[in-house]
Amino acid sequence: IPKILGFELFRKFVDFAGSCIVHCTGGIAAFMGALVIGPRIGRFEDGAHDPNPQPGHSTPFAALGAFILFLGFLAFNGGSELAIVGEDHAVVVATAFVNTIIGGASGSITAVVLNYAIAWWRGEQKYWSLLQMINGGLAGMVAMCAGCNVFHQGNTWSNDLLVNLTISISLSALKIK
């Protein structure tokens, strides 16, 4: 296999849990739904770039939904091995479970710390947000889906750090709150 600067040019594509098609389809469907439906009524005034606040989120329901999704991610990632008895199936399932849990935890921690640091850098009010932790945890678990069976646990932390940094910097550059 040819290498440039120590990196292999042609790598085998690995998508353990089918996350590529699942998340691509979900993202396209969400985008098309948002495009067809449009912004929420009252969210933006004519010509205004800053959204109007819309209180009314239920934090307990958001946390419950995140917990249900967390269990779903464990079933999705661990169950993608389709076996647990014989050969190394149990090791692969255990690795998928551990990496999914670490992915959710590191995503949550990274998101809440980045939220606090960006608020400090902008000179805004600093706060720890459960909703940011939920979003970061979900992003971390999504980032784990494709390679949760082969990632080393240390790589899991760095992968989620890069994912959350990318999301936070992108949202900060766009000034999306």
C-alpha atoms as a PDB file:
ATOM      1  CA  ILE A   1       0.000   0.000   0.000  1.00  0.00           C
ATOM      2  CA  PRO A   2       1.538   3.341  -0.986  1.00  0.00           C
ATOM      3  CA  LYS A   3       2.264   5.790   1.824  1.00  0.00           C
ATOM      4  CA  ILE A   4       2.776   9.557   1.959  1.00  0.00           C
ATOM      5  CA  LEU A   5       4.234  11.002   5.173  1.00  0.00           C
ATOM      6  CA  GLY A   6       3.467   7.729   6.932  1.00  0.00           C
ATOM      7  CA  PHE A   7      -0.243   7.681   6.025  1.00  0.00           C
ATOM      8  CA  GLU A   8      -1.670   4.942   3.851  1.00  0.00           C
ATOM      9  CA  LEU A   9      -3.265   6.321   0.699  1.00  0.00           C
ATOM     10  CA  PHE A  10      -5.890   3.618   0.295  1.00  0.00           C
ATOM     11  CA  ARG A  11      -7.652   2.471   3.431  1.00  0.00           C
ATOM     12  CA  LYS A  12     -10.453   0.007   3.752  1.00  0.00           C
ATOM     13  CA  PHE A  13     -13.805   1.665   4.462  1.00  0.00           C
ATOM     14  CA  VAL A  14     -15.191   0.429   7.784  1.00  0.00           C
ATOM     15  CA  ASP A  15     -18.766   1.121   8.861  1.00  0.00           C
ATOM     16  CA  PHE A  16     -19.441  -1.339  11.667  1.00  0.00           C
ATOM     17  CA  ALA A  17     -22.923  -0.316  12.726  1.00  0.00           C
ATOM     18  CA  GLY A  18     -24.187   0.974   9.391  1.00  0.00           C
ATOM     19  CA  SER A  19     -23.939   4.493  10.726  1.00  0.00           C
ATOM     20  CA  CYS A  20     -23.039   6.033   7.381  1.00  0.00           C
ATOM     21  CA  ILE A  21     -26.346   5.209   5.739  1.00  0.00           C
ATOM     22  CA  VAL A  22     -28.386   5.656   8.936  1.00  0.00           C
ATOM     23  CA  HIS A  23     -27.089   9.120   9.828  1.00  0.00           C
ATOM     24  CA  CYS A  24     -26.838  10.312   6.223  1.00  0.00           C
ATOM     25  CA  THR A  25     -30.465   9.349   5.585  1.00  0.00           C
ATOM     26  CA  GLY A  26     -31.593  10.959   8.845  1.00  0.00           C
ATOM     27  CA  GLY A  27     -29.663  14.151   8.120  1.00  0.00           C
ATOM     28  CA  ILE A  28     -31.036  14.445   4.601  1.00  0.00           C
ATOM     29  CA  ALA A  29     -34.582  13.798   5.827  1.00  0.00           C
ATOM     30  CA  ALA A  30     -34.213  16.425   8.574  1.00  0.00           C
ATOM     31  CA  PHE A  31     -32.776  18.960   6.125  1.00  0.00           C
ATOM     32  CA  MET A  32     -35.566  18.379   3.610  1.00  0.00           C
ATOM     33  CA  GLY A  33     -38.180  18.612   6.360  1.00  0.00           C
ATOM     34  CA  ALA A  34     -36.733  21.907   7.605  1.00  0.00           C
ATOM     35  CA  LEU A  35     -36.547  23.193   4.039  1.00  0.00           C
ATOM     36  CA  VAL A  36     -40.187  22.351   3.328  1.00  0.00           C
ATOM     37  CA  ILE A  37     -41.619  23.476   6.673  1.00  0.00           C
ATOM     38  CA  GLY A  38     -39.416  26.552   7.108  1.00  0.00           C
ATOM     39  CA  PRO A  39     -38.490  28.361  10.324  1.00  0.00           C
ATOM     40  CA  ARG A  40     -40.766  28.293  13.330  1.00  0.00           C
ATOM     41  CA  ILE A  41     -43.356  31.048  13.409  1.00  0.00           C
ATOM     42  CA  GLY A  42     -42.101  33.893  15.591  1.00  0.00           C
ATOM     43  CA  ARG A  43     -38.523  32.594  15.709  1.00  0.00           C
ATOM     44  CA  PHE A  44     -37.117  35.281  13.395  1.00  0.00           C
ATOM     45  CA  GLU A  45     -38.376  38.803  12.753  1.00  0.00           C
ATOM     46  CA  ASP A  46     -38.249  40.149   9.211  1.00  0.00           C
ATOM     47  CA  GLY A  47     -34.620  40.757   8.308  1.00  0.00           C
ATOM     48  CA  ALA A  48     -33.289  39.923  11.790  1.00  0.00           C
ATOM     49  CA  HIS A  49     -30.355  37.525  12.069  1.00  0.00           C
ATOM     50  CA  ASP A  50     -30.642  36.886  15.796  1.00  0.00           C
ATOM     51  CA  PRO A  51     -33.400  34.484  16.769  1.00  0.00           C
ATOM     52  CA  ASN A  52     -36.047  35.423  19.307  1.00  0.00           C
ATOM     53  CA  PRO A  53     -35.862  33.347  22.465  1.00  0.00           C
ATOM     54  CA  GLN A  54     -38.491  30.645  22.681  1.00  0.00           C
ATOM     55  CA  PRO A  55     -38.765  29.394  26.246  1.00  0.00           C
ATOM     56  CA  GLY A  56     -40.645  26.261  27.060  1.00  0.00           C
ATOM     57  CA  HIS A  57     -38.130  23.477  26.632  1.00  0.00           C
ATOM     58  CA  SER A  58     -38.675  20.681  29.107  1.00  0.00           C
ATOM     59  CA  THR A  59     -35.262  19.763  30.456  1.00  0.00           C
ATOM     60  CA  PRO A  60     -36.517  16.597  32.224  1.00  0.00           C
ATOM     61  CA  PHE A  61     -38.109  15.358  28.990  1.00  0.00           C
ATOM     62  CA  ALA A  62     -34.933  16.188  27.063  1.00  0.00           C
ATOM     63  CA  ALA A  63     -32.893  14.222  29.613  1.00  0.00           C
ATOM     64  CA  LEU A  64     -35.334  11.299  29.415  1.00  0.00           C
ATOM     65  CA  GLY A  65     -35.132  11.319  25.621  1.00  0.00           C
ATOM     66  CA  ALA A  66     -31.341  11.392  25.765  1.00  0.00           C
ATOM     67  CA  PHE A  67     -31.336   8.438  28.163  1.00  0.00           C
ATOM     68  CA  ILE A  68     -33.608   6.464  25.828  1.00  0.00           C
ATOM     69  CA  LEU A  69     -31.349   7.333  22.871  1.00  0.00           C
ATOM     70  CA  PHE A  70     -28.321   6.298  24.936  1.00  0.00           C
ATOM     71  CA  LEU A  71     -29.819   2.846  25.472  1.00  0.00           C
ATOM     72  CA  GLY A  72     -30.711   2.738  21.785  1.00  0.00           C
ATOM     73  CA  PHE A  73     -27.112   3.531  20.830  1.00  0.00           C
ATOM     74  CA  LEU A  74     -25.883   0.686  23.048  1.00  0.00           C
ATOM     75  CA  ALA A  75     -28.299  -1.719  21.365  1.00  0.00           C
ATOM     76  CA  PHE A  76     -27.475  -0.383  17.888  1.00  0.00           C
ATOM     77  CA  ASN A  77     -23.703  -0.489  18.287  1.00  0.00           C
ATOM     78  CA  GLY A  78     -23.422  -3.637  20.368  1.00  0.00           C
ATOM     79  CA  GLY A  79     -26.108  -5.495  18.443  1.00  0.00           C
ATOM     80  CA  SER A  80     -24.434  -4.850  15.113  1.00  0.00           C
ATOM     81  CA  GLU A  81     -22.061  -7.757  15.790  1.00  0.00           C
ATOM     82  CA  LEU A  82     -25.120 -10.071  15.450  1.00  0.00           C
ATOM     83  CA  ALA A  83     -23.535 -12.653  17.763  1.00  0.00           C
ATOM     84  CA  ILE A  84     -22.053 -12.807  21.239  1.00  0.00           C
ATOM     85  CA  VAL A  85     -21.074 -16.476  21.595  1.00  0.00           C
ATOM     86  CA  GLY A  86     -18.047 -18.027  19.934  1.00  0.00           C
ATOM     87  CA  GLU A  87     -14.710 -16.800  18.665  1.00  0.00           C
ATOM     88  CA  ASP A  88     -14.143 -13.109  19.521  1.00  0.00           C
ATOM     89  CA  HIS A  89     -17.739 -11.911  19.279  1.00  0.00           C
ATOM     90  CA  ALA A  90     -18.011 -11.126  22.999  1.00  0.00           C
ATOM     91  CA  VAL A  91     -14.845  -9.006  22.852  1.00  0.00           C
ATOM     92  CA  VAL A  92     -16.188  -7.024  19.886  1.00  0.00           C
ATOM     93  CA  VAL A  93     -19.553  -6.441  21.603  1.00  0.00           C
ATOM     94  CA  ALA A  94     -17.829  -5.386  24.839  1.00  0.00           C
ATOM     95  CA  THR A  95     -15.522  -3.028  22.928  1.00  0.00           C
ATOM     96  CA  ALA A  96     -18.509  -1.513  21.129  1.00  0.00           C
ATOM     97  CA  PHE A  97     -20.327  -0.977  24.449  1.00  0.00           C
ATOM     98  CA  VAL A  98     -17.305   0.552  26.187  1.00  0.00           C
ATOM     99  CA  ASN A  99     -16.482   2.866  23.296  1.00  0.00           C
ATOM    100  CA  THR A 100     -20.108   3.986  22.999  1.00  0.00           C
ATOM    101  CA  ILE A 101     -20.250   4.827  26.705  1.00  0.00           C
ATOM    102  CA  ILE A 102     -16.887   6.623  26.609  1.00  0.00           C
ATOM    103  CA  GLY A 103     -18.013   8.453  23.454  1.00  0.00           C
ATOM    104  CA  GLY A 104     -21.150   9.754  25.156  1.00  0.00           C
ATOM    105  CA  ALA A 105     -19.286  10.764  28.308  1.00  0.00           C
ATOM    106  CA  SER A 106     -16.414  12.487  26.522  1.00  0.00           C
ATOM    107  CA  GLY A 107     -18.834  14.232  24.161  1.00  0.00           C
ATOM    108  CA  SER A 108     -20.835  15.575  27.108  1.00  0.00           C
ATOM    109  CA  ILE A 109     -17.776  16.784  28.993  1.00  0.00           C
ATOM    110  CA  THR A 110     -16.229  18.364  25.905  1.00  0.00           C
ATOM    111  CA  ALA A 111     -19.446  20.145  24.928  1.00  0.00           C
ATOM    112  CA  VAL A 112     -20.098  21.668  28.337  1.00  0.00           C
ATOM    113  CA  VAL A 113     -16.480  22.782  28.773  1.00  0.00           C
ATOM    114  CA  LEU A 114     -16.432  24.294  25.259  1.00  0.00           C
ATOM    115  CA  ASN A 115     -19.758  26.037  25.938  1.00  0.00           C
ATOM    116  CA  TYR A 116     -18.298  27.573  29.094  1.00  0.00           C
ATOM    117  CA  ALA A 117     -14.992  28.510  27.402  1.00  0.00           C
ATOM    118  CA  ILE A 118     -16.677  30.113  24.379  1.00  0.00           C
ATOM    119  CA  ALA A 119     -18.944  32.151  26.665  1.00  0.00           C
ATOM    120  CA  TRP A 120     -15.877  33.270  28.637  1.00  0.00           C
ATOM    121  CA  TRP A 121     -14.020  34.154  25.416  1.00  0.00           C
ATOM    122  CA  ARG A 122     -16.972  36.200  24.105  1.00  0.00           C
ATOM    123  CA  GLY A 123     -17.426  37.938  27.449  1.00  0.00           C
ATOM    124  CA  GLU A 124     -20.937  36.524  27.877  1.00  0.00           C
ATOM    125  CA  GLN A 125     -22.513  35.024  30.970  1.00  0.00           C
ATOM    126  CA  LYS A 126     -20.850  31.697  31.780  1.00  0.00           C
ATOM    127  CA  TYR A 127     -22.988  28.729  32.776  1.00  0.00           C
ATOM    128  CA  TRP A 128     -22.990  24.932  32.816  1.00  0.00           C
ATOM    129  CA  SER A 129     -25.806  23.617  30.642  1.00  0.00           C
ATOM    130  CA  LEU A 130     -27.455  20.207  30.900  1.00  0.00           C
ATOM    131  CA  LEU A 131     -28.893  20.684  27.407  1.00  0.00           C
ATOM    132  CA  GLN A 132     -25.370  21.277  26.033  1.00  0.00           C
ATOM    133  CA  MET A 133     -24.225  18.098  27.791  1.00  0.00           C
ATOM    134  CA  ILE A 134     -27.070  16.163  26.194  1.00  0.00           C
ATOM    135  CA  ASN A 135     -26.231  17.495  22.717  1.00  0.00           C
ATOM    136  CA  GLY A 136     -22.527  16.763  23.191  1.00  0.00           C
ATOM    137  CA  GLY A 137     -23.236  13.258  24.439  1.00  0.00           C
ATOM    138  CA  LEU A 138     -25.403  12.503  21.438  1.00  0.00           C
ATOM    139  CA  ALA A 139     -22.743  13.908  19.097  1.00  0.00           C
ATOM    140  CA  GLY A 140     -20.137  11.751  20.828  1.00  0.00           C
ATOM    141  CA  MET A 141     -22.199   8.595  20.446  1.00  0.00           C
ATOM    142  CA  VAL A 142     -22.906   9.352  16.781  1.00  0.00           C
ATOM    143  CA  ALA A 143     -19.169   9.814  16.245  1.00  0.00           C
ATOM    144  CA  MET A 144     -18.539   6.357  17.718  1.00  0.00           C
ATOM    145  CA  CYS A 145     -20.943   4.374  15.557  1.00  0.00           C
ATOM    146  CA  ALA A 146     -18.765   3.621  12.539  1.00  0.00           C
ATOM    147  CA  GLY A 147     -15.678   2.396  14.358  1.00  0.00           C
ATOM    148  CA  CYS A 148     -16.824   1.504  17.842  1.00  0.00           C
ATOM    149  CA  ASN A 149     -15.667  -2.089  17.394  1.00  0.00           C
ATOM    150  CA  VAL A 150     -12.062  -1.179  16.520  1.00  0.00           C
ATOM    151  CA  PHE A 151     -11.314   2.141  18.258  1.00  0.00           C
ATOM    152  CA  HIS A 152      -8.904   2.146  21.149  1.00  0.00           C
ATOM    153  CA  GLN A 153     -10.423   3.829  24.189  1.00  0.00           C
ATOM    154  CA  GLY A 154      -7.865   6.654  24.062  1.00  0.00           C
ATOM    155  CA  ASN A 155      -8.803   7.309  20.456  1.00  0.00           C
ATOM    156  CA  THR A 156     -12.424   7.558  21.532  1.00  0.00           C
ATOM    157  CA  TRP A 157     -11.658  10.620  23.673  1.00  0.00           C
ATOM    158  CA  SER A 158      -9.641  12.367  20.972  1.00  0.00           C
ATOM    159  CA  ASN A 159     -12.229  11.572  18.287  1.00  0.00           C
ATOM    160  CA  ASP A 160     -15.021  13.110  20.369  1.00  0.00           C
ATOM    161  CA  LEU A 161     -12.883  16.128  21.209  1.00  0.00           C
ATOM    162  CA  LEU A 162     -12.365  16.789  17.488  1.00  0.00           C
ATOM    163  CA  VAL A 163     -16.061  16.287  16.694  1.00  0.00           C
ATOM    164  CA  ASN A 164     -17.221  18.668  19.426  1.00  0.00           C
ATOM    165  CA  LEU A 165     -14.517  21.225  18.608  1.00  0.00           C
ATOM    166  CA  THR A 166     -15.640  21.210  14.986  1.00  0.00           C
ATOM    167  CA  ILE A 167     -19.299  21.637  15.916  1.00  0.00           C
ATOM    168  CA  SER A 168     -18.636  24.353  18.514  1.00  0.00           C
ATOM    169  CA  ILE A 169     -16.285  26.372  16.315  1.00  0.00           C
ATOM    170  CA  SER A 170     -18.680  26.111  13.375  1.00  0.00           C
ATOM    171  CA  LEU A 171     -21.617  27.288  15.475  1.00  0.00           C
ATOM    172  CA  SER A 172     -19.535  30.079  17.003  1.00  0.00           C
ATOM    173  CA  ALA A 173     -18.392  31.257  13.590  1.00  0.00           C
ATOM    174  CA  LEU A 174     -22.013  31.313  12.430  1.00  0.00           C
ATOM    175  CA  LYS A 175     -23.058  32.893  15.757  1.00  0.00           C
ATOM    176  CA  ILE A 176     -25.784  30.288  16.250  1.00  0.00           C
ATOM    177  CA  LYS A 177     -27.009  30.053  19.817  1.00  0.00           C
END
